[in-house]
Amino acid sequence: MKVLETFINAAGVVLDHVIFIYVWVIIIAAIISWTRPNPYNPIVQSLYRLTEPVYDFIRRRVRTDFGGLDIAPIIVLLGLQFTRHFLVNLMVNFQA
């Protein structure tokens, strides 16, 4: 069962890194959205493609516009942090 433990631990570490990178993508996209970015810029387009599907998923289920402030990124960040602390810790500390 040592192979299963190692595999689940490795998957947990990879998931932790993916969540960490995606958190930074959301933060960068939020900061860029405060300015008037060029919509034809490939970096802006990439950030939009990486974040908007998740934001749209949240917006369809929860009201996220409060006084002109969109809190969808905050909801996504909270969900990612919960996943990181709960699921990743479970996977990294898995013992069969």
C-alpha atoms as a PDB file:
ATOM      1  CA  MET A   1       0.000   0.000   0.000  1.00  0.00           C
ATOM      2  CA  LYS A   2       3.047   2.264   0.106  1.00  0.00           C
ATOM      3  CA  VAL A   3       2.618   2.880  -3.653  1.00  0.00           C
ATOM      4  CA  LEU A   4      -0.958   4.097  -3.141  1.00  0.00           C
ATOM      5  CA  GLU A   5       0.114   6.414  -0.320  1.00  0.00           C
ATOM      6  CA  THR A   6       2.927   7.852  -2.403  1.00  0.00           C
ATOM      7  CA  PHE A   7       0.644   8.365  -5.404  1.00  0.00           C
ATOM      8  CA  ILE A   8      -2.034  10.148  -3.355  1.00  0.00           C
ATOM      9  CA  ASN A   9       0.610  12.262  -1.596  1.00  0.00           C
ATOM     10  CA  ALA A  10       2.113  13.257  -4.949  1.00  0.00           C
ATOM     11  CA  ALA A  11      -1.317  14.084  -6.380  1.00  0.00           C
ATOM     12  CA  GLY A  12      -1.971  16.249  -3.315  1.00  0.00           C
ATOM     13  CA  VAL A  13       1.290  18.133  -3.803  1.00  0.00           C
ATOM     14  CA  VAL A  14       0.542  18.707  -7.501  1.00  0.00           C
ATOM     15  CA  LEU A  15      -2.996  19.885  -6.650  1.00  0.00           C
ATOM     16  CA  ASP A  16      -1.530  22.259  -4.070  1.00  0.00           C
ATOM     17  CA  HIS A  17       0.766  23.777  -6.709  1.00  0.00           C
ATOM     18  CA  VAL A  18      -2.060  24.095  -9.242  1.00  0.00           C
ATOM     19  CA  ILE A  19      -4.270  25.851  -6.688  1.00  0.00           C
ATOM     20  CA  PHE A  20      -1.395  28.147  -5.690  1.00  0.00           C
ATOM     21  CA  ILE A  21      -0.801  29.168  -9.321  1.00  0.00           C
ATOM     22  CA  TYR A  22      -4.523  29.649 -10.006  1.00  0.00           C
ATOM     23  CA  VAL A  23      -4.868  31.863  -6.914  1.00  0.00           C
ATOM     24  CA  TRP A  24      -2.170  34.119  -8.360  1.00  0.00           C
ATOM     25  CA  VAL A  25      -3.886  34.117 -11.764  1.00  0.00           C
ATOM     26  CA  ILE A  26      -7.079  35.348 -10.075  1.00  0.00           C
ATOM     27  CA  ILE A  27      -5.208  38.026  -8.120  1.00  0.00           C
ATOM     28  CA  ILE A  28      -3.401  39.283 -11.226  1.00  0.00           C
ATOM     29  CA  ALA A  29      -6.625  39.284 -13.260  1.00  0.00           C
ATOM     30  CA  ALA A  30      -8.392  41.249 -10.516  1.00  0.00           C
ATOM     31  CA  ILE A  31      -5.620  43.846 -10.358  1.00  0.00           C
ATOM     32  CA  ILE A  32      -5.559  44.196 -14.141  1.00  0.00           C
ATOM     33  CA  SER A  33      -9.353  44.608 -14.204  1.00  0.00           C
ATOM     34  CA  TRP A  34      -9.018  47.778 -12.117  1.00  0.00           C
ATOM     35  CA  THR A  35      -7.368  49.465 -15.092  1.00  0.00           C
ATOM     36  CA  ARG A  36      -8.553  49.629 -18.675  1.00  0.00           C
ATOM     37  CA  PRO A  37      -6.556  46.785 -20.200  1.00  0.00           C
ATOM     38  CA  ASN A  38      -6.304  46.334 -23.938  1.00  0.00           C
ATOM     39  CA  PRO A  39      -8.742  43.471 -24.677  1.00  0.00           C
ATOM     40  CA  TYR A  40      -6.566  42.378 -27.620  1.00  0.00           C
ATOM     41  CA  ASN A  41      -3.495  41.872 -25.443  1.00  0.00           C
ATOM     42  CA  PRO A  42      -2.705  38.126 -25.352  1.00  0.00           C
ATOM     43  CA  ILE A  43      -1.984  38.203 -21.605  1.00  0.00           C
ATOM     44  CA  VAL A  44      -5.332  39.859 -20.873  1.00  0.00           C
ATOM     45  CA  GLN A  45      -7.091  37.365 -23.139  1.00  0.00           C
ATOM     46  CA  SER A  46      -5.369  34.442 -21.397  1.00  0.00           C
ATOM     47  CA  LEU A  47      -6.320  35.725 -17.957  1.00  0.00           C
ATOM     48  CA  TYR A  48      -9.896  36.213 -19.146  1.00  0.00           C
ATOM     49  CA  ARG A  49     -10.050  32.661 -20.542  1.00  0.00           C
ATOM     50  CA  LEU A  50      -8.653  31.222 -17.312  1.00  0.00           C
ATOM     51  CA  THR A  51     -10.924  33.098 -14.909  1.00  0.00           C
ATOM     52  CA  GLU A  52     -14.228  33.923 -16.575  1.00  0.00           C
ATOM     53  CA  PRO A  53     -15.579  30.351 -16.865  1.00  0.00           C
ATOM     54  CA  VAL A  54     -15.197  29.913 -13.104  1.00  0.00           C
ATOM     55  CA  TYR A  55     -16.633  33.350 -12.376  1.00  0.00           C
ATOM     56  CA  ASP A  56     -19.578  32.615 -14.676  1.00  0.00           C
ATOM     57  CA  PHE A  57     -20.220  29.340 -12.854  1.00  0.00           C
ATOM     58  CA  ILE A  58     -20.352  31.221  -9.522  1.00  0.00           C
ATOM     59  CA  ARG A  59     -22.446  34.094 -10.934  1.00  0.00           C
ATOM     60  CA  ARG A  60     -25.113  31.684 -12.179  1.00  0.00           C
ATOM     61  CA  ARG A  61     -25.562  30.276  -8.670  1.00  0.00           C
ATOM     62  CA  VAL A  62     -24.981  33.243  -6.356  1.00  0.00           C
ATOM     63  CA  ARG A  63     -25.623  36.952  -6.637  1.00  0.00           C
ATOM     64  CA  THR A  64     -22.138  38.455  -6.765  1.00  0.00           C
ATOM     65  CA  ASP A  65     -22.766  42.106  -7.660  1.00  0.00           C
ATOM     66  CA  PHE A  66     -23.058  44.322  -4.603  1.00  0.00           C
ATOM     67  CA  GLY A  67     -23.003  48.053  -5.194  1.00  0.00           C
ATOM     68  CA  GLY A  68     -21.007  47.708  -8.406  1.00  0.00           C
ATOM     69  CA  LEU A  69     -18.447  45.436  -6.778  1.00  0.00           C
ATOM     70  CA  ASP A  70     -18.182  41.914  -8.173  1.00  0.00           C
ATOM     71  CA  ILE A  71     -17.267  39.480  -5.403  1.00  0.00           C
ATOM     72  CA  ALA A  72     -16.994  36.403  -7.644  1.00  0.00           C
ATOM     73  CA  PRO A  73     -13.163  36.402  -7.391  1.00  0.00           C
ATOM     74  CA  ILE A  74     -13.396  36.513  -3.604  1.00  0.00           C
ATOM     75  CA  ILE A  75     -15.815  33.570  -3.554  1.00  0.00           C
ATOM     76  CA  VAL A  76     -13.522  31.597  -5.858  1.00  0.00           C
ATOM     77  CA  LEU A  77     -10.482  32.423  -3.717  1.00  0.00           C
ATOM     78  CA  LEU A  78     -12.291  31.302  -0.564  1.00  0.00           C
ATOM     79  CA  GLY A  79     -13.320  28.059  -2.251  1.00  0.00           C
ATOM     80  CA  LEU A  80      -9.778  27.429  -3.420  1.00  0.00           C
ATOM     81  CA  GLN A  81      -8.371  28.098   0.034  1.00  0.00           C
ATOM     82  CA  PHE A  82     -10.892  25.707   1.580  1.00  0.00           C
ATOM     83  CA  THR A  83      -9.956  23.065  -0.983  1.00  0.00           C
ATOM     84  CA  ARG A  84      -6.285  23.676  -0.380  1.00  0.00           C
ATOM     85  CA  HIS A  85      -6.521  23.385   3.386  1.00  0.00           C
ATOM     86  CA  PHE A  86      -9.007  20.518   3.521  1.00  0.00           C
ATOM     87  CA  LEU A  87      -8.586  18.275   0.489  1.00  0.00           C
ATOM     88  CA  VAL A  88      -4.872  18.799  -0.098  1.00  0.00           C
ATOM     89  CA  ASN A  89      -4.073  18.198   3.567  1.00  0.00           C
ATOM     90  CA  LEU A  90      -6.140  15.016   3.453  1.00  0.00           C
ATOM     91  CA  MET A  91      -4.254  13.832   0.386  1.00  0.00           C
ATOM     92  CA  VAL A  92      -0.800  14.765   1.649  1.00  0.00           C
ATOM     93  CA  ASN A  93      -1.405  13.105   5.022  1.00  0.00           C
ATOM     94  CA  PHE A  94      -3.106  10.019   3.554  1.00  0.00           C
ATOM     95  CA  GLN A  95      -2.123   6.715   5.120  1.00  0.00           C
ATOM     96  CA  ALA A  96      -3.622   3.455   3.895  1.00  0.00           C
END
